[in-house]
Protein backbone atom coordinates (compact mmCIF):
# COMPACT_ATOMS: atom_id res chain seq x y z
CA UNK A 1 7.17 -6.09 -4.98
CA UNK A 2 4.64 -7.82 -2.79
CA UNK A 3 4.38 -10.94 -4.95
CA UNK A 4 1.84 -12.57 -2.66
CA UNK A 5 -0.54 -9.64 -3.11
CA UNK A 6 -0.01 -9.57 -6.88
CA UNK A 7 -0.61 -13.34 -7.05
CA UNK A 8 -3.80 -12.96 -5.00
CA UNK A 9 -5.13 -10.22 -7.29
CA UNK A 10 -4.16 -12.24 -10.38
CA UNK A 11 -6.03 -15.29 -9.08
CA UNK A 12 -9.12 -13.21 -8.35
CA UNK A 13 -9.05 -11.66 -11.83
CA UNK A 14 -8.51 -15.07 -13.45
CA UNK A 15 -11.46 -16.57 -11.58
CA UNK A 16 -13.66 -13.65 -12.62
CA UNK A 17 -12.62 -14.00 -16.28
CA UNK A 18 -13.08 -17.79 -16.13
CA UNK A 19 -16.61 -17.36 -14.76
CA UNK A 20 -17.71 -14.77 -17.32
CA UNK A 21 -15.40 -14.95 -20.34
CA UNK A 22 -16.17 -17.04 -23.39
CA UNK A 23 -13.46 -16.81 -26.02
CA UNK A 24 -9.86 -15.69 -25.64
CA UNK A 25 -10.32 -12.00 -26.49
CA UNK A 26 -13.31 -11.65 -24.16
CA UNK A 27 -11.44 -13.48 -21.37
CA UNK A 28 -8.42 -11.19 -21.76
CA UNK A 29 -10.57 -8.05 -21.66
CA UNK A 30 -12.40 -9.28 -18.56
CA UNK A 31 -9.15 -10.25 -16.85
CA UNK A 32 -7.48 -6.91 -17.62
CA UNK A 33 -10.41 -4.81 -16.43
CA UNK A 34 -10.91 -6.85 -13.25
CA UNK A 35 -7.18 -6.84 -12.44
CA UNK A 36 -7.09 -3.04 -12.86
CA UNK A 37 -10.18 -2.69 -10.66
CA UNK A 38 -8.57 -4.80 -7.94
CA UNK A 39 -5.38 -2.72 -8.06
CA UNK A 40 -7.39 0.49 -7.67
CA UNK A 41 -9.22 -1.00 -4.69
CA UNK A 42 -5.88 -1.92 -3.11
CA UNK A 43 -4.67 1.66 -3.67
CA UNK A 44 -7.77 2.93 -1.89
CA UNK A 45 -7.01 0.61 1.03
CA UNK A 46 -3.44 1.90 1.14
CA UNK A 47 -4.66 5.51 1.20
CA UNK A 48 -7.21 4.94 3.95
CA UNK A 49 -4.76 6.03 6.71
CA UNK A 50 -4.10 9.26 4.78
CA UNK A 51 -7.77 10.14 4.83
CA UNK A 52 -8.07 9.23 8.48
CA UNK A 53 -4.90 11.02 9.59
CA UNK A 54 -4.73 13.71 6.86
CA UNK A 55 -1.12 12.97 5.91
CA UNK A 56 0.74 14.65 3.07
CA UNK A 57 0.62 13.62 -0.59
CA UNK A 58 4.22 12.46 -0.40
CA UNK A 59 3.34 10.14 2.42
CA UNK A 60 0.35 8.88 0.41
CA UNK A 61 2.65 7.89 -2.44
CA UNK A 62 4.92 6.12 0.03
CA UNK A 63 1.91 4.25 1.48
CA UNK A 64 0.91 2.96 -1.96
CA UNK A 65 4.45 1.89 -2.80
CA UNK A 66 4.83 0.19 0.57
CA UNK A 67 1.44 -1.54 0.24
CA UNK A 68 2.49 -3.12 -3.06
CA UNK A 69 6.06 -3.74 -1.90
CA UNK A 70 7.57 -1.47 -4.56
CA UNK A 71 10.80 0.40 -3.91
CA UNK A 72 10.66 4.17 -4.56
């Protein structure tokens, strides 16, 4: 996996939760939702070439896996 990217997203989600969350359960909910949002945004970035070049769905999956550094 692309640990640098995961660490970057984790830090962003932690900062968001720190800024807005008061109390452990609220912080956790804010962190989880922000982290998920950031992952979805990264997926959209990974799929951008597909939309531009109209590649196949299989290639789109490969782009996402490659973007996150995950082996198929």
